[in-house]
Protein backbone atom coordinates (compact mmCIF):
# COMPACT_ATOMS: atom_id res chain seq x y z
CA MET A 1 53.03 89.48 78.54
CA GLU A 2 53.05 85.67 79.44
CA LYS A 3 55.44 83.68 77.69
CA ASP A 4 52.78 80.96 76.90
CA LYS A 5 50.39 83.79 75.32
CA LEU A 6 52.82 84.86 73.49
CA LEU A 7 53.81 81.44 72.02
CA GLU A 8 50.19 80.96 71.30
CA LEU A 9 49.87 84.17 69.60
CA LYS A 10 52.72 83.27 67.05
CA GLU A 11 50.98 79.95 66.20
CA GLU A 12 47.80 81.55 65.35
CA ILE A 13 49.45 84.14 63.42
CA LEU A 14 51.35 81.53 61.18
CA LYS A 15 48.14 79.55 60.71
CA ALA A 16 46.30 82.80 59.80
CA LEU A 17 48.72 83.93 57.25
CA ASN A 18 50.12 80.41 55.92
CA ASP A 19 52.36 82.18 53.48
CA PRO A 20 55.69 80.73 52.12
CA ASP A 21 57.04 84.07 51.06
CA LEU A 22 56.83 85.13 54.73
CA ASP A 23 59.00 84.63 57.89
CA VAL A 24 57.80 85.56 61.20
CA ASP A 25 60.01 85.41 64.24
CA LEU A 26 58.63 86.30 67.91
CA CYS A 27 61.36 88.77 69.74
CA PHE A 28 60.96 88.47 73.49
CA ASP A 29 62.54 88.78 76.82
CA GLU A 30 65.19 85.88 77.35
CA GLY A 31 65.63 85.84 80.76
CA ASP A 32 67.18 89.03 82.02
CA ARG A 33 67.68 90.93 78.43
CA TRP A 34 65.01 92.02 75.93
CA ASP A 35 66.15 92.14 72.31
CA VAL A 36 66.60 96.29 72.02
CA ARG A 37 62.93 96.81 73.49
CA SER A 38 60.99 95.99 76.95
CA TYR A 39 58.22 94.44 75.20
CA PRO A 40 57.69 91.90 72.52
CA TYR A 41 57.60 92.37 69.13
CA PHE A 42 57.08 90.13 65.82
CA LYS A 43 59.94 90.75 63.03
CA VAL A 44 58.29 89.66 59.80
CA LYS A 45 60.53 88.95 56.70
CA TYR A 46 58.81 88.91 53.06
CA VAL A 47 60.81 87.86 50.09
CA VAL A 48 59.52 88.84 46.64
CA GLU A 49 60.19 86.97 43.84
CA GLY A 50 62.79 84.94 45.77
CA HIS A 51 65.51 87.54 45.86
CA SER A 52 64.25 90.92 47.52
CA VAL A 53 63.78 90.49 51.34
CA HIS A 54 61.72 93.17 53.06
CA GLU A 55 61.69 93.21 57.01
CA LYS A 56 58.67 94.93 59.17
CA GLU A 57 59.03 94.75 63.40
CA ILE A 58 55.38 95.02 64.80
CA ASP A 59 55.08 95.95 68.29
CA ILE A 60 53.04 94.18 71.00
CA ASN A 61 52.87 97.22 73.03
CA PRO A 62 51.57 97.22 76.69
CA GLU A 63 48.40 98.48 75.90
CA TYR A 64 47.34 95.49 73.51
CA TRP A 65 48.50 92.84 76.73
CA ARG A 66 45.09 92.23 77.81
CA LYS A 67 43.53 91.87 74.73
CA ASP A 68 43.01 87.81 73.77
CA VAL A 69 44.94 86.27 71.48
CA LYS A 70 42.15 86.28 68.96
CA ASP A 71 42.33 90.06 68.91
CA LEU A 72 46.17 90.28 69.02
CA VAL A 73 45.94 87.67 65.56
CA SER A 74 43.54 89.89 63.83
CA PHE A 75 45.82 93.03 64.48
CA VAL A 76 49.00 91.48 63.71
CA VAL A 77 47.95 90.14 60.42
CA PHE A 78 46.30 93.14 59.44
CA GLN A 79 49.73 94.79 59.75
CA VAL A 80 51.20 91.89 57.69
CA GLN A 81 48.93 92.49 55.24
CA GLN A 82 49.19 95.98 55.03
CA PHE A 83 52.97 95.30 54.71
CA LYS A 84 52.83 93.03 51.80
CA GLU A 85 50.56 95.56 50.05
CA GLU A 86 53.16 98.21 50.45
CA VAL A 87 56.03 96.05 49.11
CA ASP A 88 53.91 95.17 46.23
CA SER A 89 53.06 98.17 45.45
CA VAL A 90 56.98 99.22 45.24
CA GLU A 91 58.13 95.97 43.62
CA TYR A 92 55.19 95.87 41.08
CA GLY A 93 54.48 99.26 40.49
CA GLY A 94 51.01 99.32 41.65
CA GLU A 95 49.88 96.45 39.42
């Protein structure tokens, strides 16, 4: 996947989420080494109540690379929203 497309994807995801409790990092090949994987992924950190940090990694598998940025944004945002709901359910007891 092209680095420019990945950076555009990250920018669009950050716009779509617009949440100060979330930190989204894009992890991809920097030269000849991948960060553990052979494909890019997003590392999402969700901070609850300013102290409890939860992390999730969202893979951008090769089968998604042909999709346009808009479709990928929808995919990642959906994954992040599900992650937040799961964390909130545990943290707040299903409130």
